[in-house]
């Protein structure tokens, strides 16, 4: 469980928690309150009801987050990457709004480089 990523979401992108709460038919203020409580006190101190809301609306945002894949320079590729993002990179993923693994980032950088070289010619 990546509490640093949860802190980042709470500090700079609380709308992600609000959207997740909405998608899971939970009250956003409840989900945000639970997230704040976990950051300060840990998951184990939650009640069973709070754990239910955490597991339903928060856990997937900070644990085993999948790469969104690279779709090619024109969105033409159907790349459903199966990689799980490294926990050490997850805070940066939220900061940069870029949820690609190193392989997909490499593909994107290679395509950008090729495109730039083509434009120079």
N, C-alpha and C. Protein backbone atom coordinates (compact mmCIF):
# COMPACT_ATOMS: atom_id res chain seq x y z
N UNK A 1 0.85 -1.17 0.00
CA UNK A 1 0.00 0.00 0.00
C UNK A 1 0.90 1.24 0.00
N UNK A 2 0.71 2.09 -0.97
CA UNK A 2 1.59 3.24 -1.15
C UNK A 2 0.95 4.49 -0.51
N UNK A 3 1.32 4.73 0.75
CA UNK A 3 0.75 5.87 1.47
C UNK A 3 1.26 7.20 0.93
N UNK A 4 2.46 7.20 0.35
CA UNK A 4 2.97 8.44 -0.26
C UNK A 4 2.10 8.83 -1.45
N UNK A 5 1.68 7.86 -2.23
CA UNK A 5 0.79 8.14 -3.36
C UNK A 5 -0.56 8.65 -2.85
N UNK A 6 -1.05 8.06 -1.76
CA UNK A 6 -2.31 8.53 -1.17
C UNK A 6 -2.18 9.96 -0.67
N UNK A 7 -1.05 10.30 -0.07
CA UNK A 7 -0.81 11.68 0.36
C UNK A 7 -0.83 12.63 -0.83
N UNK A 8 -0.19 12.21 -1.92
CA UNK A 8 -0.16 13.03 -3.14
C UNK A 8 -1.57 13.27 -3.66
N UNK A 9 -2.37 12.23 -3.68
CA UNK A 9 -3.75 12.36 -4.15
C UNK A 9 -4.52 13.31 -3.24
N UNK A 10 -4.39 13.13 -1.93
CA UNK A 10 -5.10 13.99 -0.97
C UNK A 10 -4.67 15.44 -1.08
N UNK A 11 -3.40 15.66 -1.31
CA UNK A 11 -2.85 17.02 -1.34
C UNK A 11 -3.14 17.74 -2.64
N UNK A 12 -2.99 17.04 -3.76
CA UNK A 12 -3.03 17.72 -5.05
C UNK A 12 -4.09 17.24 -6.03
N UNK A 13 -4.72 16.11 -5.75
CA UNK A 13 -5.66 15.57 -6.72
C UNK A 13 -6.86 14.89 -6.05
N UNK A 14 -7.42 15.57 -5.10
CA UNK A 14 -8.52 14.99 -4.33
C UNK A 14 -9.71 14.60 -5.23
N UNK A 15 -9.80 15.22 -6.41
CA UNK A 15 -10.90 14.89 -7.33
C UNK A 15 -10.83 13.43 -7.77
N UNK A 16 -9.65 12.82 -7.72
CA UNK A 16 -9.52 11.40 -8.05
C UNK A 16 -10.29 10.57 -7.02
N UNK A 17 -10.17 10.93 -5.75
CA UNK A 17 -10.91 10.23 -4.71
C UNK A 17 -12.41 10.48 -4.85
N UNK A 18 -12.77 11.71 -5.17
CA UNK A 18 -14.19 12.04 -5.35
C UNK A 18 -14.80 11.22 -6.49
N UNK A 19 -14.07 11.10 -7.58
CA UNK A 19 -14.55 10.33 -8.73
C UNK A 19 -14.65 8.85 -8.40
N UNK A 20 -13.66 8.34 -7.70
CA UNK A 20 -13.68 6.93 -7.31
C UNK A 20 -14.85 6.65 -6.37
N UNK A 21 -15.09 7.55 -5.44
CA UNK A 21 -16.23 7.39 -4.53
C UNK A 21 -17.54 7.35 -5.32
N UNK A 22 -17.67 8.28 -6.25
CA UNK A 22 -18.88 8.35 -7.08
C UNK A 22 -19.05 7.07 -7.88
N UNK A 23 -17.97 6.58 -8.48
CA UNK A 23 -18.04 5.36 -9.29
C UNK A 23 -18.37 4.12 -8.47
N UNK A 24 -18.11 4.19 -7.18
CA UNK A 24 -18.37 3.06 -6.30
C UNK A 24 -19.57 3.28 -5.38
N UNK A 25 -20.38 4.26 -5.74
CA UNK A 25 -21.61 4.57 -4.98
C UNK A 25 -21.33 4.83 -3.50
N UNK A 26 -20.23 5.55 -3.25
CA UNK A 26 -19.87 5.93 -1.88
C UNK A 26 -19.90 7.44 -1.76
N UNK A 27 -20.03 7.92 -0.55
CA UNK A 27 -20.01 9.35 -0.27
C UNK A 27 -18.57 9.84 -0.35
N UNK A 28 -18.33 10.89 -1.14
CA UNK A 28 -16.96 11.36 -1.35
C UNK A 28 -16.33 11.88 -0.06
N UNK A 29 -17.09 12.56 0.78
CA UNK A 29 -16.51 13.07 2.02
C UNK A 29 -16.11 11.92 2.95
N UNK A 30 -16.86 10.84 2.92
CA UNK A 30 -16.52 9.66 3.72
C UNK A 30 -15.21 9.05 3.22
N UNK A 31 -15.09 8.89 1.91
CA UNK A 31 -13.90 8.29 1.31
C UNK A 31 -12.67 9.18 1.58
N UNK A 32 -12.82 10.48 1.44
CA UNK A 32 -11.71 11.40 1.70
C UNK A 32 -11.32 11.34 3.18
N UNK A 33 -12.29 11.31 4.05
CA UNK A 33 -12.01 11.21 5.48
C UNK A 33 -11.29 9.92 5.83
N UNK A 34 -11.68 8.82 5.23
CA UNK A 34 -11.02 7.54 5.46
C UNK A 34 -9.58 7.60 4.95
N UNK A 35 -9.38 8.19 3.77
CA UNK A 35 -8.03 8.31 3.22
C UNK A 35 -7.14 9.11 4.17
N UNK A 36 -7.64 10.21 4.68
CA UNK A 36 -6.87 11.03 5.62
C UNK A 36 -6.55 10.24 6.89
N UNK A 37 -7.52 9.49 7.37
CA UNK A 37 -7.32 8.70 8.58
C UNK A 37 -6.24 7.65 8.37
N UNK A 38 -6.26 6.98 7.22
CA UNK A 38 -5.27 5.95 6.94
C UNK A 38 -3.87 6.54 6.86
N UNK A 39 -3.73 7.71 6.25
CA UNK A 39 -2.42 8.36 6.17
C UNK A 39 -1.87 8.63 7.57
N UNK A 40 -2.72 9.03 8.48
CA UNK A 40 -2.27 9.36 9.83
C UNK A 40 -2.19 8.19 10.78
N UNK A 41 -3.04 7.18 10.57
CA UNK A 41 -3.16 6.13 11.58
C UNK A 41 -2.96 4.70 11.07
N UNK A 42 -3.00 4.53 9.78
CA UNK A 42 -2.82 3.19 9.22
C UNK A 42 -4.14 2.48 8.95
N UNK A 43 -4.08 1.53 8.08
CA UNK A 43 -5.25 0.77 7.65
C UNK A 43 -5.82 -0.10 8.77
N UNK A 44 -4.95 -0.68 9.57
CA UNK A 44 -5.38 -1.63 10.59
C UNK A 44 -6.29 -1.01 11.65
N UNK A 45 -6.25 0.30 11.79
CA UNK A 45 -7.08 0.95 12.80
C UNK A 45 -8.48 1.31 12.30
N UNK A 46 -8.75 1.01 11.03
CA UNK A 46 -10.08 1.29 10.48
C UNK A 46 -11.11 0.29 11.01
N UNK A 47 -12.35 0.73 11.09
CA UNK A 47 -13.44 -0.19 11.42
C UNK A 47 -13.71 -1.06 10.19
N UNK A 48 -14.49 -2.09 10.33
CA UNK A 48 -14.82 -2.95 9.19
C UNK A 48 -15.54 -2.17 8.10
N UNK A 49 -16.44 -1.27 8.49
CA UNK A 49 -17.15 -0.44 7.51
C UNK A 49 -16.19 0.48 6.77
N UNK A 50 -15.26 1.08 7.50
CA UNK A 50 -14.27 1.96 6.87
C UNK A 50 -13.36 1.16 5.93
N UNK A 51 -12.96 -0.04 6.35
CA UNK A 51 -12.14 -0.90 5.49
C UNK A 51 -12.88 -1.24 4.20
N UNK A 52 -14.17 -1.47 4.30
CA UNK A 52 -14.97 -1.75 3.11
C UNK A 52 -14.87 -0.59 2.11
N UNK A 53 -15.08 0.62 2.59
CA UNK A 53 -15.00 1.80 1.72
C UNK A 53 -13.58 2.01 1.19
N UNK A 54 -12.59 1.79 2.04
CA UNK A 54 -11.20 1.92 1.60
C UNK A 54 -10.91 0.92 0.48
N UNK A 55 -11.25 -0.33 0.72
CA UNK A 55 -10.96 -1.37 -0.26
C UNK A 55 -11.70 -1.15 -1.57
N UNK A 56 -12.88 -0.60 -1.49
CA UNK A 56 -13.71 -0.39 -2.68
C UNK A 56 -13.32 0.86 -3.47
N UNK A 57 -12.96 1.94 -2.77
CA UNK A 57 -12.79 3.22 -3.45
C UNK A 57 -11.36 3.78 -3.44
N UNK A 58 -10.48 3.23 -2.62
CA UNK A 58 -9.14 3.83 -2.49
C UNK A 58 -8.02 2.86 -2.88
N UNK A 59 -8.10 1.66 -2.42
CA UNK A 59 -6.98 0.71 -2.57
C UNK A 59 -6.48 0.61 -4.01
N UNK A 60 -7.38 0.54 -4.98
CA UNK A 60 -6.97 0.38 -6.38
C UNK A 60 -6.19 1.58 -6.91
N UNK A 61 -6.24 2.70 -6.21
CA UNK A 61 -5.51 3.89 -6.63
C UNK A 61 -4.06 3.89 -6.16
N UNK A 62 -3.76 3.05 -5.15
CA UNK A 62 -2.43 3.11 -4.54
C UNK A 62 -1.75 1.74 -4.44
N UNK A 63 -2.36 0.74 -5.01
CA UNK A 63 -1.80 -0.60 -4.91
C UNK A 63 -2.05 -1.35 -6.22
N UNK A 64 -1.02 -1.97 -6.77
CA UNK A 64 -1.13 -2.74 -8.01
C UNK A 64 -1.76 -1.94 -9.14
N UNK A 65 -1.29 -0.71 -9.33
CA UNK A 65 -1.81 0.16 -10.37
C UNK A 65 -1.20 -0.27 -11.70
N UNK A 66 -2.06 -0.53 -12.68
CA UNK A 66 -1.59 -1.02 -13.98
C UNK A 66 -1.18 0.12 -14.90
N UNK A 67 -0.22 -0.18 -15.75
CA UNK A 67 0.20 0.73 -16.80
C UNK A 67 -0.98 0.94 -17.75
N UNK A 68 -1.14 2.18 -18.20
CA UNK A 68 -2.23 2.46 -19.14
C UNK A 68 -1.86 2.13 -20.57
N UNK A 69 -0.60 1.77 -20.80
CA UNK A 69 -0.15 1.38 -22.12
C UNK A 69 0.13 2.56 -23.02
N UNK A 70 0.91 2.31 -24.06
CA UNK A 70 1.23 3.33 -25.04
C UNK A 70 0.47 3.00 -26.31
N UNK A 71 -0.25 3.95 -26.83
CA UNK A 71 -1.14 3.72 -27.97
C UNK A 71 -0.56 4.16 -29.31
N UNK A 72 0.69 4.53 -29.34
CA UNK A 72 1.29 4.98 -30.59
C UNK A 72 1.12 6.47 -30.76
N UNK A 73 1.87 7.06 -31.69
CA UNK A 73 1.83 8.53 -31.83
C UNK A 73 0.48 9.06 -32.28
N UNK A 74 -0.33 8.23 -32.92
CA UNK A 74 -1.63 8.68 -33.40
C UNK A 74 -2.76 7.89 -32.75
N UNK A 75 -2.45 7.17 -31.67
CA UNK A 75 -3.46 6.37 -30.99
C UNK A 75 -3.87 5.15 -31.76
N UNK A 76 -3.02 4.71 -32.69
CA UNK A 76 -3.39 3.63 -33.59
C UNK A 76 -3.13 2.24 -33.01
N UNK A 77 -2.27 2.13 -32.03
CA UNK A 77 -1.94 0.83 -31.47
C UNK A 77 -2.93 0.44 -30.38
N UNK A 78 -3.20 -0.84 -30.30
CA UNK A 78 -4.08 -1.35 -29.26
C UNK A 78 -3.22 -2.07 -28.23
N UNK A 79 -2.43 -1.29 -27.50
CA UNK A 79 -1.48 -1.83 -26.55
C UNK A 79 -2.08 -1.84 -25.15
N UNK A 80 -2.53 -2.99 -24.73
CA UNK A 80 -3.03 -3.12 -23.37
C UNK A 80 -1.93 -3.74 -22.53
N UNK A 81 -1.07 -2.91 -22.04
CA UNK A 81 0.07 -3.34 -21.24
C UNK A 81 -0.43 -3.97 -19.94
N UNK A 82 0.20 -5.06 -19.56
CA UNK A 82 -0.20 -5.77 -18.34
C UNK A 82 0.70 -5.44 -17.14
N UNK A 83 1.66 -4.55 -17.35
CA UNK A 83 2.63 -4.24 -16.29
C UNK A 83 1.97 -3.52 -15.12
N UNK A 84 2.45 -3.83 -13.94
CA UNK A 84 2.06 -3.12 -12.71
C UNK A 84 3.11 -2.05 -12.48
N UNK A 85 2.66 -0.83 -12.25
CA UNK A 85 3.60 0.28 -12.03
C UNK A 85 4.36 0.08 -10.72
N UNK A 86 5.62 0.42 -10.75
CA UNK A 86 6.47 0.30 -9.58
C UNK A 86 5.99 1.27 -8.50
N UNK A 87 5.88 0.78 -7.27
CA UNK A 87 5.44 1.63 -6.16
C UNK A 87 6.30 2.87 -6.00
N UNK A 88 7.60 2.74 -6.28
CA UNK A 88 8.51 3.88 -6.13
C UNK A 88 8.21 4.98 -7.15
N UNK A 89 7.55 4.65 -8.24
CA UNK A 89 7.24 5.63 -9.29
C UNK A 89 5.81 6.18 -9.21
N UNK A 90 5.00 5.62 -8.33
CA UNK A 90 3.58 5.95 -8.34
C UNK A 90 3.28 7.41 -8.00
N UNK A 91 4.01 7.99 -7.08
CA UNK A 91 3.80 9.41 -6.75
C UNK A 91 4.06 10.26 -7.99
N UNK A 92 5.16 9.98 -8.69
CA UNK A 92 5.46 10.72 -9.92
C UNK A 92 4.40 10.50 -10.99
N UNK A 93 3.85 9.31 -11.05
CA UNK A 93 2.77 9.05 -12.01
C UNK A 93 1.59 9.99 -11.75
N UNK A 94 1.24 10.15 -10.49
CA UNK A 94 0.14 11.07 -10.16
C UNK A 94 0.54 12.52 -10.41
N UNK A 95 1.75 12.89 -10.07
CA UNK A 95 2.20 14.27 -10.30
C UNK A 95 2.22 14.62 -11.78
N UNK A 96 2.69 13.67 -12.59
CA UNK A 96 2.86 13.91 -14.03
C UNK A 96 1.63 13.52 -14.85
N UNK A 97 0.66 12.90 -14.20
CA UNK A 97 -0.52 12.36 -14.89
C UNK A 97 -0.08 11.48 -16.07
N UNK A 98 0.85 10.58 -15.77
CA UNK A 98 1.41 9.68 -16.77
C UNK A 98 1.58 8.31 -16.12
N UNK A 99 0.71 7.39 -16.47
CA UNK A 99 0.69 6.08 -15.85
C UNK A 99 1.20 5.00 -16.80
N UNK A 100 2.42 5.23 -17.32
CA UNK A 100 3.05 4.25 -18.20
C UNK A 100 4.25 3.63 -17.50
N UNK A 101 4.45 2.35 -17.75
CA UNK A 101 5.63 1.65 -17.24
C UNK A 101 6.86 2.10 -18.04
N UNK A 102 8.01 1.66 -17.62
CA UNK A 102 9.25 2.06 -18.28
C UNK A 102 9.28 1.62 -19.74
N UNK A 103 8.77 0.43 -20.05
CA UNK A 103 8.75 -0.03 -21.44
C UNK A 103 7.87 0.86 -22.32
N UNK A 104 6.70 1.18 -21.85
CA UNK A 104 5.80 2.03 -22.63
C UNK A 104 6.35 3.45 -22.76
N UNK A 105 6.98 3.96 -21.69
CA UNK A 105 7.62 5.27 -21.78
C UNK A 105 8.73 5.25 -22.82
N UNK A 106 9.49 4.14 -22.86
CA UNK A 106 10.54 4.00 -23.85
C UNK A 106 9.99 4.00 -25.27
N UNK A 107 8.87 3.28 -25.48
CA UNK A 107 8.23 3.28 -26.81
C UNK A 107 7.78 4.68 -27.19
N UNK A 108 7.21 5.41 -26.25
CA UNK A 108 6.74 6.77 -26.52
C UNK A 108 7.91 7.69 -26.85
N UNK A 109 9.00 7.56 -26.10
CA UNK A 109 10.18 8.39 -26.35
C UNK A 109 10.80 8.07 -27.70
N UNK A 110 10.85 6.79 -28.05
CA UNK A 110 11.40 6.38 -29.34
C UNK A 110 10.58 6.93 -30.49
N UNK A 111 9.26 6.83 -30.37
CA UNK A 111 8.39 7.39 -31.42
C UNK A 111 8.55 8.90 -31.52
N UNK A 112 8.66 9.58 -30.39
CA UNK A 112 8.83 11.04 -30.40
C UNK A 112 10.15 11.40 -31.07
N UNK A 113 11.19 10.64 -30.77
CA UNK A 113 12.50 10.89 -31.39
C UNK A 113 12.42 10.68 -32.91
N UNK A 114 11.80 9.59 -33.33
CA UNK A 114 11.66 9.31 -34.77
C UNK A 114 10.86 10.41 -35.47
N UNK A 115 9.80 10.85 -34.81
CA UNK A 115 8.96 11.91 -35.38
C UNK A 115 9.76 13.20 -35.52
N UNK A 116 10.53 13.53 -34.49
CA UNK A 116 11.34 14.75 -34.53
C UNK A 116 12.39 14.69 -35.64
N UNK A 117 13.00 13.54 -35.81
CA UNK A 117 14.02 13.38 -36.87
C UNK A 117 13.35 13.49 -38.26
N UNK A 118 12.17 12.93 -38.39
CA UNK A 118 11.44 13.01 -39.65
C UNK A 118 11.10 14.46 -39.98
N UNK A 119 10.69 15.21 -38.98
CA UNK A 119 10.30 16.61 -39.18
C UNK A 119 11.52 17.47 -39.54
N UNK A 120 12.70 17.08 -39.05
CA UNK A 120 13.92 17.84 -39.39
C UNK A 120 14.30 17.66 -40.84
N UNK A 121 14.02 16.49 -41.39
CA UNK A 121 14.43 16.19 -42.78
C UNK A 121 13.59 16.86 -43.80
